[in-house]
Amino acid sequence: MGNHTILTAGFAQIPKGTTLYEVSPIVGCVLIIDKEHDVICDASFTFVMEKTNEFLASLLLGKSVAQGMKEITPVVSERFLGPGQGAVLQAIRAAVDRYLESKT
């Protein structure tokens, strides 16, 4: 990773009334971003099932955050059909926004 990376995190609430909410009411997203290229180097989520975490991380690796969620939203929307998709996108957005705000 090195000195050119930044760790940022975002959180969002899972919709009430879903089974996923009963397990955990929030989803967290941690991103490690290469600040020289604005590219995601690593990602992690707070889901209980590791396969979900691995899959979501694989969708984000190598994606640019230079233009916010432009590269991320379509991929996650099309390929992650799990419950809480909106919350996942909100958590990612919060992490990306926090990173972009730190650059200004």
PDB file of N, CA and C in Angstrom:
ATOM      1  N   MET A   1       0.831  -1.182   0.000  1.00  0.00           N
ATOM      2  CA  MET A   1       0.000   0.000   0.000  1.00  0.00           C
ATOM      3  C   MET A   1       0.881   1.252   0.000  1.00  0.00           C
ATOM      4  N   GLY A   2       1.634   1.454   1.055  1.00  0.00           N
ATOM      5  CA  GLY A   2       2.594   2.537   1.040  1.00  0.00           C
ATOM      6  C   GLY A   2       2.065   3.878   1.503  1.00  0.00           C
ATOM      7  N   ASN A   3       2.889   4.891   1.246  1.00  0.00           N
ATOM      8  CA  ASN A   3       2.589   6.243   1.701  1.00  0.00           C
ATOM      9  C   ASN A   3       1.604   6.986   0.814  1.00  0.00           C
ATOM     10  N   HIS A   4       1.198   6.390  -0.275  1.00  0.00           N
ATOM     11  CA  HIS A   4       0.313   7.070  -1.215  1.00  0.00           C
ATOM     12  C   HIS A   4      -1.139   6.644  -1.058  1.00  0.00           C
ATOM     13  N   THR A   5      -1.459   6.041   0.065  1.00  0.00           N
ATOM     14  CA  THR A   5      -2.831   5.564   0.254  1.00  0.00           C
ATOM     15  C   THR A   5      -3.493   6.260   1.437  1.00  0.00           C
ATOM     16  N   ILE A   6      -4.814   6.317   1.352  1.00  0.00           N
ATOM     17  CA  ILE A   6      -5.642   6.894   2.413  1.00  0.00           C
ATOM     18  C   ILE A   6      -6.758   5.907   2.708  1.00  0.00           C
ATOM     19  N   LEU A   7      -7.055   5.734   3.993  1.00  0.00           N
ATOM     20  CA  LEU A   7      -8.186   4.912   4.411  1.00  0.00           C
ATOM     21  C   LEU A   7      -9.344   5.845   4.732  1.00  0.00           C
ATOM     22  N   THR A   8     -10.507   5.548   4.173  1.00  0.00           N
ATOM     23  CA  THR A   8     -11.710   6.328   4.430  1.00  0.00           C
ATOM     24  C   THR A   8     -12.861   5.365   4.687  1.00  0.00           C
ATOM     25  N   ALA A   9     -13.854   5.816   5.420  1.00  0.00           N
ATOM     26  CA  ALA A   9     -14.973   4.936   5.771  1.00  0.00           C
ATOM     27  C   ALA A   9     -16.294   5.674   5.646  1.00  0.00           C
ATOM     28  N   GLY A  10     -17.332   4.899   5.369  1.00  0.00           N
ATOM     29  CA  GLY A  10     -18.686   5.437   5.314  1.00  0.00           C
ATOM     30  C   GLY A  10     -19.663   4.410   5.853  1.00  0.00           C
ATOM     31  N   PHE A  11     -20.784   4.886   6.357  1.00  0.00           N
ATOM     32  CA  PHE A  11     -21.788   4.016   6.965  1.00  0.00           C
ATOM     33  C   PHE A  11     -23.176   4.425   6.493  1.00  0.00           C
ATOM     34  N   ALA A  12     -24.088   3.460   6.475  1.00  0.00           N
ATOM     35  CA  ALA A  12     -25.476   3.735   6.107  1.00  0.00           C
ATOM     36  C   ALA A  12     -26.387   2.748   6.824  1.00  0.00           C
ATOM     37  N   GLN A  13     -27.617   3.168   7.035  1.00  0.00           N
ATOM     38  CA  GLN A  13     -28.588   2.317   7.724  1.00  0.00           C
ATOM     39  C   GLN A  13     -29.259   1.372   6.734  1.00  0.00           C
ATOM     40  N   ILE A  14     -29.389   0.118   7.148  1.00  0.00           N
ATOM     41  CA  ILE A  14     -30.118  -0.893   6.379  1.00  0.00           C
ATOM     42  C   ILE A  14     -31.615  -0.611   6.567  1.00  0.00           C
ATOM     43  N   PRO A  15     -32.432  -0.804   5.532  1.00  0.00           N
ATOM     44  CA  PRO A  15     -33.874  -0.555   5.682  1.00  0.00           C
ATOM     45  C   PRO A  15     -34.501  -1.427   6.774  1.00  0.00           C
ATOM     46  N   LYS A  16     -35.282  -0.799   7.637  1.00  0.00           N
ATOM     47  CA  LYS A  16     -35.990  -1.537   8.691  1.00  0.00           C
ATOM     48  C   LYS A  16     -36.977  -2.502   8.055  1.00  0.00           C
ATOM     49  N   GLY A  17     -37.217  -3.598   8.756  1.00  0.00           N
ATOM     50  CA  GLY A  17     -38.163  -4.594   8.266  1.00  0.00           C
ATOM     51  C   GLY A  17     -37.535  -5.655   7.386  1.00  0.00           C
ATOM     52  N   THR A  18     -36.250  -5.506   7.068  1.00  0.00           N
ATOM     53  CA  THR A  18     -35.574  -6.527   6.266  1.00  0.00           C
ATOM     54  C   THR A  18     -34.841  -7.487   7.198  1.00  0.00           C
ATOM     55  N   THR A  19     -34.633  -8.687   6.724  1.00  0.00           N
ATOM     56  CA  THR A  19     -33.891  -9.674   7.506  1.00  0.00           C
ATOM     57  C   THR A  19     -32.486  -9.174   7.802  1.00  0.00           C
ATOM     58  N   LEU A  20     -31.889  -8.524   6.837  1.00  0.00           N
ATOM     59  CA  LEU A  20     -30.539  -7.998   7.017  1.00  0.00           C
ATOM     60  C   LEU A  20     -30.492  -6.995   8.169  1.00  0.00           C
ATOM     61  N   TYR A  21     -31.529  -6.183   8.314  1.00  0.00           N
ATOM     62  CA  TYR A  21     -31.590  -5.204   9.410  1.00  0.00           C
ATOM     63  C   TYR A  21     -31.564  -5.903  10.762  1.00  0.00           C
ATOM     64  N   GLU A  22     -32.210  -7.074  10.832  1.00  0.00           N
ATOM     65  CA  GLU A  22     -32.248  -7.823  12.089  1.00  0.00           C
ATOM     66  C   GLU A  22     -30.855  -8.321  12.483  1.00  0.00           C
ATOM     67  N   VAL A  23     -30.014  -8.578  11.494  1.00  0.00           N
ATOM     68  CA  VAL A  23     -28.645  -9.028  11.755  1.00  0.00           C
ATOM     69  C   VAL A  23     -27.768  -7.841  12.167  1.00  0.00           C
ATOM     70  N   SER A  24     -27.876  -6.754  11.417  1.00  0.00           N
ATOM     71  CA  SER A  24     -27.100  -5.542  11.703  1.00  0.00           C
ATOM     72  C   SER A  24     -27.821  -4.351  11.089  1.00  0.00           C
ATOM     73  N   PRO A  25     -28.126  -3.334  11.876  1.00  0.00           N
ATOM     74  CA  PRO A  25     -28.888  -2.200  11.344  1.00  0.00           C
ATOM     75  C   PRO A  25     -28.078  -1.248  10.461  1.00  0.00           C
ATOM     76  N   ILE A  26     -26.755  -1.396  10.443  1.00  0.00           N
ATOM     77  CA  ILE A  26     -25.944  -0.531   9.588  1.00  0.00           C
ATOM     78  C   ILE A  26     -24.979  -1.362   8.754  1.00  0.00           C
ATOM     79  N   VAL A  27     -24.566  -0.777   7.646  1.00  0.00           N
ATOM     80  CA  VAL A  27     -23.499  -1.372   6.843  1.00  0.00           C
ATOM     81  C   VAL A  27     -22.368  -0.351   6.803  1.00  0.00           C
ATOM     82  N   GLY A  28     -21.168  -0.846   6.981  1.00  0.00           N
ATOM     83  CA  GLY A  28     -19.994   0.009   6.910  1.00  0.00           C
ATOM     84  C   GLY A  28     -19.151  -0.357   5.706  1.00  0.00           C
ATOM     85  N   CYS A  29     -18.490   0.630   5.163  1.00  0.00           N
ATOM     86  CA  CYS A  29     -17.603   0.436   4.019  1.00  0.00           C
ATOM     87  C   CYS A  29     -16.286   1.138   4.323  1.00  0.00           C
ATOM     88  N   VAL A  30     -15.196   0.411   4.203  1.00  0.00           N
ATOM     89  CA  VAL A  30     -13.860   0.981   4.358  1.00  0.00           C
ATOM     90  C   VAL A  30     -13.160   0.863   3.013  1.00  0.00           C
ATOM     91  N   LEU A  31     -12.636   1.978   2.538  1.00  0.00           N
ATOM     92  CA  LEU A  31     -11.912   2.000   1.271  1.00  0.00           C
ATOM     93  C   LEU A  31     -10.479   2.449   1.511  1.00  0.00           C
ATOM     94  N   ILE A  32      -9.556   1.810   0.828  1.00  0.00           N
ATOM     95  CA  ILE A  32      -8.181   2.290   0.779  1.00  0.00           C
ATOM     96  C   ILE A  32      -7.973   2.796  -0.640  1.00  0.00           C
ATOM     97  N   ILE A  33      -7.624   4.073  -0.728  1.00  0.00           N
ATOM     98  CA  ILE A  33      -7.551   4.749  -2.025  1.00  0.00           C
ATOM     99  C   ILE A  33      -6.134   5.247  -2.271  1.00  0.00           C
ATOM    100  N   ASP A  34      -5.642   4.982  -3.475  1.00  0.00           N
ATOM    101  CA  ASP A  34      -4.358   5.522  -3.919  1.00  0.00           C
ATOM    102  C   ASP A  34      -4.590   6.995  -4.240  1.00  0.00           C
ATOM    103  N   LYS A  35      -4.037   7.883  -3.411  1.00  0.00           N
ATOM    104  CA  LYS A  35      -4.336   9.308  -3.558  1.00  0.00           C
ATOM    105  C   LYS A  35      -3.641   9.950  -4.761  1.00  0.00           C
ATOM    106  N   GLU A  36      -2.644   9.299  -5.332  1.00  0.00           N
ATOM    107  CA  GLU A  36      -1.996   9.841  -6.531  1.00  0.00           C
ATOM    108  C   GLU A  36      -2.835   9.612  -7.781  1.00  0.00           C
ATOM    109  N   HIS A  37      -3.600   8.517  -7.780  1.00  0.00           N
ATOM    110  CA  HIS A  37      -4.384   8.170  -8.965  1.00  0.00           C
ATOM    111  C   HIS A  37      -5.890   8.154  -8.712  1.00  0.00           C
ATOM    112  N   ASP A  38      -6.308   8.397  -7.463  1.00  0.00           N
ATOM    113  CA  ASP A  38      -7.733   8.378  -7.083  1.00  0.00           C
ATOM    114  C   ASP A  38      -8.393   7.044  -7.419  1.00  0.00           C
ATOM    115  N   VAL A  39      -7.689   5.954  -7.148  1.00  0.00           N
ATOM    116  CA  VAL A  39      -8.175   4.615  -7.481  1.00  0.00           C
ATOM    117  C   VAL A  39      -8.272   3.776  -6.205  1.00  0.00           C
ATOM    118  N   ILE A  40      -9.335   2.974  -6.120  1.00  0.00           N
ATOM    119  CA  ILE A  40      -9.541   2.105  -4.963  1.00  0.00           C
ATOM    120  C   ILE A  40      -8.568   0.926  -5.033  1.00  0.00           C
ATOM    121  N   CYS A  41      -7.759   0.772  -3.980  1.00  0.00           N
ATOM    122  CA  CYS A  41      -6.775  -0.317  -3.887  1.00  0.00           C
ATOM    123  C   CYS A  41      -7.319  -1.508  -3.111  1.00  0.00           C
ATOM    124  N   ASP A  42      -8.218  -1.230  -2.159  1.00  0.00           N
ATOM    125  CA  ASP A  42      -8.775  -2.287  -1.323  1.00  0.00           C
ATOM    126  C   ASP A  42     -10.086  -1.783  -0.749  1.00  0.00           C
ATOM    127  N   ALA A  43     -10.952  -2.727  -0.384  1.00  0.00           N
ATOM    128  CA  ALA A  43     -12.257  -2.372   0.179  1.00  0.00           C
ATOM    129  C   ALA A  43     -12.710  -3.468   1.122  1.00  0.00           C
ATOM    130  N   SER A  44     -13.492  -3.069   2.110  1.00  0.00           N
ATOM    131  CA  SER A  44     -14.032  -4.015   3.071  1.00  0.00           C
ATOM    132  C   SER A  44     -15.397  -3.523   3.528  1.00  0.00           C
ATOM    133  N   PHE A  45     -16.264  -4.478   3.866  1.00  0.00           N
ATOM    134  CA  PHE A  45     -17.620  -4.169   4.313  1.00  0.00           C
ATOM    135  C   PHE A  45     -17.911  -4.922   5.596  1.00  0.00           C
ATOM    136  N   THR A  46     -18.956  -4.500   6.300  1.00  0.00           N
ATOM    137  CA  THR A  46     -19.279  -5.089   7.601  1.00  0.00           C
ATOM    138  C   THR A  46     -20.302  -6.212   7.515  1.00  0.00           C
ATOM    139  N   PHE A  47     -20.503  -6.792   6.359  1.00  0.00           N
ATOM    140  CA  PHE A  47     -21.451  -7.898   6.243  1.00  0.00           C
ATOM    141  C   PHE A  47     -20.942  -9.121   6.995  1.00  0.00           C
ATOM    142  N   VAL A  48     -21.872  -9.906   7.537  1.00  0.00           N
ATOM    143  CA  VAL A  48     -21.518 -11.101   8.303  1.00  0.00           C
ATOM    144  C   VAL A  48     -20.895 -12.159   7.398  1.00  0.00           C
ATOM    145  N   MET A  49     -21.436 -12.322   6.215  1.00  0.00           N
ATOM    146  CA  MET A  49     -20.948 -13.363   5.303  1.00  0.00           C
ATOM    147  C   MET A  49     -19.749 -12.843   4.502  1.00  0.00           C
ATOM    148  N   GLU A  50     -18.635 -13.515   4.654  1.00  0.00           N
ATOM    149  CA  GLU A  50     -17.392 -13.085   4.027  1.00  0.00           C
ATOM    150  C   GLU A  50     -17.489 -13.055   2.500  1.00  0.00           C
ATOM    151  N   LYS A  51     -18.273 -13.957   1.921  1.00  0.00           N
ATOM    152  CA  LYS A  51     -18.401 -13.997   0.463  1.00  0.00           C
ATOM    153  C   LYS A  51     -18.988 -12.689  -0.066  1.00  0.00           C
ATOM    154  N   THR A  52     -19.942 -12.112   0.673  1.00  0.00           N
ATOM    155  CA  THR A  52     -20.519 -10.823   0.279  1.00  0.00           C
ATOM    156  C   THR A  52     -19.446  -9.744   0.310  1.00  0.00           C
ATOM    157  N   ASN A  53     -18.653  -9.734   1.367  1.00  0.00           N
ATOM    158  CA  ASN A  53     -17.564  -8.756   1.479  1.00  0.00           C
ATOM    159  C   ASN A  53     -16.579  -8.894   0.319  1.00  0.00           C
ATOM    160  N   GLU A  54     -16.190 -10.125   0.026  1.00  0.00           N
ATOM    161  CA  GLU A  54     -15.231 -10.378  -1.053  1.00  0.00           C
ATOM    162  C   GLU A  54     -15.788  -9.935  -2.398  1.00  0.00           C
ATOM    163  N   PHE A  55     -17.059 -10.257  -2.650  1.00  0.00           N
ATOM    164  CA  PHE A  55     -17.661  -9.912  -3.934  1.00  0.00           C
ATOM    165  C   PHE A  55     -17.735  -8.399  -4.112  1.00  0.00           C
ATOM    166  N   LEU A  56     -18.230  -7.703  -3.091  1.00  0.00           N
ATOM    167  CA  LEU A  56     -18.333  -6.246  -3.185  1.00  0.00           C
ATOM    168  C   LEU A  56     -16.954  -5.612  -3.358  1.00  0.00           C
ATOM    169  N   ALA A  57     -15.975  -6.098  -2.621  1.00  0.00           N
ATOM    170  CA  ALA A  57     -14.615  -5.564  -2.760  1.00  0.00           C
ATOM    171  C   ALA A  57     -14.106  -5.766  -4.182  1.00  0.00           C
ATOM    172  N   SER A  58     -14.384  -6.931  -4.773  1.00  0.00           N
ATOM    173  CA  SER A  58     -13.919  -7.201  -6.136  1.00  0.00           C
ATOM    174  C   SER A  58     -14.552  -6.250  -7.146  1.00  0.00           C
ATOM    175  N   LEU A  59     -15.780  -5.805  -6.871  1.00  0.00           N
ATOM    176  CA  LEU A  59     -16.442  -4.856  -7.768  1.00  0.00           C
ATOM    177  C   LEU A  59     -15.780  -3.477  -7.722  1.00  0.00           C
ATOM    178  N   LEU A  60     -15.184  -3.136  -6.586  1.00  0.00           N
ATOM    179  CA  LEU A  60     -14.633  -1.792  -6.394  1.00  0.00           C
ATOM    180  C   LEU A  60     -13.152  -1.663  -6.725  1.00  0.00           C
ATOM    181  N   LEU A  61     -12.418  -2.764  -6.654  1.00  0.00           N
ATOM    182  CA  LEU A  61     -10.970  -2.690  -6.881  1.00  0.00           C
ATOM    183  C   LEU A  61     -10.650  -2.124  -8.261  1.00  0.00           C
ATOM    184  N   GLY A  62      -9.773  -1.124  -8.271  1.00  0.00           N
ATOM    185  CA  GLY A  62      -9.353  -0.511  -9.524  1.00  0.00           C
ATOM    186  C   GLY A  62     -10.267   0.581 -10.037  1.00  0.00           C
ATOM    187  N   LYS A  63     -11.390   0.802  -9.372  1.00  0.00           N
ATOM    188  CA  LYS A  63     -12.325   1.842  -9.818  1.00  0.00           C
ATOM    189  C   LYS A  63     -11.800   3.211  -9.403  1.00  0.00           C
ATOM    190  N   SER A  64     -11.977   4.180 -10.286  1.00  0.00           N
ATOM    191  CA  SER A  64     -11.592   5.553  -9.998  1.00  0.00           C
ATOM    192  C   SER A  64     -12.688   6.245  -9.199  1.00  0.00           C
ATOM    193  N   VAL A  65     -12.268   7.078  -8.260  1.00  0.00           N
ATOM    194  CA  VAL A  65     -13.219   7.892  -7.497  1.00  0.00           C
ATOM    195  C   VAL A  65     -13.043   9.371  -7.843  1.00  0.00           C
ATOM    196  N   ALA A  66     -12.257   9.656  -8.873  1.00  0.00           N
ATOM    197  CA  ALA A  66     -11.983  11.040  -9.262  1.00  0.00           C
ATOM    198  C   ALA A  66     -13.265  11.796  -9.589  1.00  0.00           C
ATOM    199  N   GLN A  67     -14.255  11.097 -10.136  1.00  0.00           N
ATOM    200  CA  GLN A  67     -15.539  11.715 -10.474  1.00  0.00           C
ATOM    201  C   GLN A  67     -16.638  11.177  -9.570  1.00  0.00           C
ATOM    202  N   GLY A  68     -16.307  10.962  -8.323  1.00  0.00           N
ATOM    203  CA  GLY A  68     -17.292  10.483  -7.362  1.00  0.00           C
ATOM    204  C   GLY A  68     -17.692   9.044  -7.637  1.00  0.00           C
ATOM    205  N   MET A  69     -18.991   8.818  -7.705  1.00  0.00           N
ATOM    206  CA  MET A  69     -19.541   7.462  -7.835  1.00  0.00           C
ATOM    207  C   MET A  69     -19.784   7.042  -9.285  1.00  0.00           C
ATOM    208  N   LYS A  70     -19.325   7.830 -10.232  1.00  0.00           N
ATOM    209  CA  LYS A  70     -19.629   7.590 -11.648  1.00  0.00           C
ATOM    210  C   LYS A  70     -19.274   6.175 -12.117  1.00  0.00           C
ATOM    211  N   GLU A  71     -18.113   5.669 -11.743  1.00  0.00           N
ATOM    212  CA  GLU A  71     -17.704   4.322 -12.162  1.00  0.00           C
ATOM    213  C   GLU A  71     -18.282   3.233 -11.267  1.00  0.00           C
ATOM    214  N   ILE A  72     -18.674   3.596 -10.059  1.00  0.00           N
ATOM    215  CA  ILE A  72     -19.058   2.604  -9.058  1.00  0.00           C
ATOM    216  C   ILE A  72     -20.541   2.255  -9.098  1.00  0.00           C
ATOM    217  N   THR A  73     -21.401   3.257  -9.158  1.00  0.00           N
ATOM    218  CA  THR A  73     -22.851   3.030  -9.066  1.00  0.00           C
ATOM    219  C   THR A  73     -23.374   2.035 -10.096  1.00  0.00           C
ATOM    220  N   PRO A  74     -23.032   2.172 -11.382  1.00  0.00           N
ATOM    221  CA  PRO A  74     -23.582   1.214 -12.354  1.00  0.00           C
ATOM    222  C   PRO A  74     -23.164  -0.230 -12.081  1.00  0.00           C
ATOM    223  N   VAL A  75     -21.918  -0.425 -11.688  1.00  0.00           N
ATOM    224  CA  VAL A  75     -21.409  -1.780 -11.448  1.00  0.00           C
ATOM    225  C   VAL A  75     -22.107  -2.412 -10.252  1.00  0.00           C
ATOM    226  N   VAL A  76     -22.200  -1.677  -9.151  1.00  0.00           N
ATOM    227  CA  VAL A  76     -22.836  -2.218  -7.948  1.00  0.00           C
ATOM    228  C   VAL A  76     -24.324  -2.445  -8.204  1.00  0.00           C
ATOM    229  N   SER A  77     -24.982  -1.509  -8.880  1.00  0.00           N
ATOM    230  CA  SER A  77     -26.418  -1.643  -9.163  1.00  0.00           C
ATOM    231  C   SER A  77     -26.729  -2.858 -10.030  1.00  0.00           C
ATOM    232  N   GLU A  78     -25.869  -3.138 -10.988  1.00  0.00           N
ATOM    233  CA  GLU A  78     -26.102  -4.249 -11.913  1.00  0.00           C
ATOM    234  C   GLU A  78     -25.685  -5.601 -11.345  1.00  0.00           C
ATOM    235  N   ARG A  79     -24.652  -5.624 -10.510  1.00  0.00           N
ATOM    236  CA  ARG A  79     -24.074  -6.911 -10.125  1.00  0.00           C
ATOM    237  C   ARG A  79     -24.312  -7.329  -8.688  1.00  0.00           C
ATOM    238  N   PHE A  80     -24.698  -6.383  -7.813  1.00  0.00           N
ATOM    239  CA  PHE A  80     -25.003  -6.735  -6.425  1.00  0.00           C
ATOM    240  C   PHE A  80     -26.506  -6.615  -6.221  1.00  0.00           C
ATOM    241  N   LEU A  81     -27.179  -7.753  -6.218  1.00  0.00           N
ATOM    242  CA  LEU A  81     -28.636  -7.772  -6.107  1.00  0.00           C
ATOM    243  C   LEU A  81     -29.089  -8.197  -4.722  1.00  0.00           C
ATOM    244  N   GLY A  82     -28.216  -8.074  -3.752  1.00  0.00           N
ATOM    245  CA  GLY A  82     -28.542  -8.456  -2.382  1.00  0.00           C
ATOM    246  C   GLY A  82     -29.407  -7.418  -1.703  1.00  0.00           C
ATOM    247  N   PRO A  83     -30.021  -7.821  -0.582  1.00  0.00           N
ATOM    248  CA  PRO A  83     -30.801  -6.852   0.179  1.00  0.00           C
ATOM    249  C   PRO A  83     -29.884  -5.747   0.706  1.00  0.00           C
ATOM    250  N   GLY A  84     -30.414  -4.558   0.765  1.00  0.00           N
ATOM    251  CA  GLY A  84     -29.615  -3.441   1.249  1.00  0.00           C
ATOM    252  C   GLY A  84     -28.723  -2.821   0.197  1.00  0.00           C
ATOM    253  N   GLN A  85     -29.026  -3.054  -1.085  1.00  0.00           N
ATOM    254  CA  GLN A  85     -28.207  -2.493  -2.154  1.00  0.00           C
ATOM    255  C   GLN A  85     -28.094  -0.972  -2.030  1.00  0.00           C
ATOM    256  N   GLY A  86     -29.208  -0.320  -1.738  1.00  0.00           N
ATOM    257  CA  GLY A  86     -29.193   1.138  -1.588  1.00  0.00           C
ATOM    258  C   GLY A  86     -28.303   1.579  -0.440  1.00  0.00           C
ATOM    259  N   ALA A  87     -28.356   0.840   0.667  1.00  0.00           N
ATOM    260  CA  ALA A  87     -27.520   1.169   1.821  1.00  0.00           C
ATOM    261  C   ALA A  87     -26.040   0.958   1.494  1.00  0.00           C
ATOM    262  N   VAL A  88     -25.740  -0.081   0.731  1.00  0.00           N
ATOM    263  CA  VAL A  88     -24.352  -0.324   0.320  1.00  0.00           C
ATOM    264  C   VAL A  88     -23.844   0.859  -0.502  1.00  0.00           C
ATOM    265  N   LEU A  89     -24.654   1.294  -1.457  1.00  0.00           N
ATOM    266  CA  LEU A  89     -24.260   2.438  -2.281  1.00  0.00           C
ATOM    267  C   LEU A  89     -24.100   3.703  -1.438  1.00  0.00           C
ATOM    268  N   GLN A  90     -24.983   3.897  -0.457  1.00  0.00           N
ATOM    269  CA  GLN A  90     -24.869   5.067   0.425  1.00  0.00           C
ATOM    270  C   GLN A  90     -23.583   5.013   1.247  1.00  0.00           C
ATOM    271  N   ALA A  91     -23.240   3.840   1.752  1.00  0.00           N
ATOM    272  CA  ALA A  91     -22.017   3.697   2.549  1.00  0.00           C
ATOM    273  C   ALA A  91     -20.777   3.966   1.690  1.00  0.00           C
ATOM    274  N   ILE A  92     -20.777   3.430   0.471  1.00  0.00           N
ATOM    275  CA  ILE A  92     -19.654   3.686  -0.442  1.00  0.00           C
ATOM    276  C   ILE A  92     -19.579   5.177  -0.751  1.00  0.00           C
ATOM    277  N   ARG A  93     -20.732   5.772  -1.059  1.00  0.00           N
ATOM    278  CA  ARG A  93     -20.781   7.202  -1.379  1.00  0.00           C
ATOM    279  C   ARG A  93     -20.237   8.045  -0.218  1.00  0.00           C
ATOM    280  N   ALA A  94     -20.614   7.692   1.006  1.00  0.00           N
ATOM    281  CA  ALA A  94     -20.132   8.440   2.174  1.00  0.00           C
ATOM    282  C   ALA A  94     -18.609   8.361   2.278  1.00  0.00           C
ATOM    283  N   ALA A  95     -18.048   7.182   2.028  1.00  0.00           N
ATOM    284  CA  ALA A  95     -16.590   7.018   2.083  1.00  0.00           C
ATOM    285  C   ALA A  95     -15.904   7.801   0.967  1.00  0.00           C
ATOM    286  N   VAL A  96     -16.456   7.719  -0.243  1.00  0.00           N
ATOM    287  CA  VAL A  96     -15.881   8.439  -1.386  1.00  0.00           C
ATOM    288  C   VAL A  96     -15.974   9.947  -1.159  1.00  0.00           C
ATOM    289  N   ASP A  97     -17.136  10.418  -0.706  1.00  0.00           N
ATOM    290  CA  ASP A  97     -17.307  11.855  -0.450  1.00  0.00           C
ATOM    291  C   ASP A  97     -16.322  12.348   0.601  1.00  0.00           C
ATOM    292  N   ARG A  98     -16.131  11.560   1.651  1.00  0.00           N
ATOM    293  CA  ARG A  98     -15.181  11.942   2.708  1.00  0.00           C
ATOM    294  C   ARG A  98     -13.771  12.071   2.118  1.00  0.00           C
ATOM    295  N   TYR A  99     -13.409  11.138   1.259  1.00  0.00           N
ATOM    296  CA  TYR A  99     -12.096  11.197   0.606  1.00  0.00           C
ATOM    297  C   TYR A  99     -11.972  12.448  -0.260  1.00  0.00           C
ATOM    298  N   LEU A 100     -12.974  12.696  -1.101  1.00  0.00           N
ATOM    299  CA  LEU A 100     -12.913  13.844  -2.008  1.00  0.00           C
ATOM    300  C   LEU A 100     -12.893  15.167  -1.243  1.00  0.00           C
ATOM    301  N   GLU A 101     -13.624  15.242  -0.138  1.00  0.00           N
ATOM    302  CA  GLU A 101     -13.613  16.458   0.685  1.00  0.00           C
ATOM    303  C   GLU A 101     -12.234  16.709   1.284  1.00  0.00           C
ATOM    304  N   SER A 102     -11.509  15.650   1.578  1.00  0.00           N
ATOM    305  CA  SER A 102     -10.174  15.815   2.164  1.00  0.00           C
ATOM    306  C   SER A 102      -9.175  16.377   1.159  1.00  0.00           C
ATOM    307  N   LYS A 103      -9.488  16.260  -0.116  1.00  0.00           N
ATOM    308  CA  LYS A 103      -8.579  16.736  -1.161  1.00  0.00           C
ATOM    309  C   LYS A 103      -8.744  18.222  -1.451  1.00  0.00           C
ATOM    310  N   THR A 104      -9.832  18.808  -0.967  1.00  0.00           N
ATOM    311  CA  THR A 104     -10.069  20.227  -1.280  1.00  0.00           C
ATOM    312  C   THR A 104      -9.560  21.136  -0.198  1.00  0.00           C
TER     313      THR A 104
END
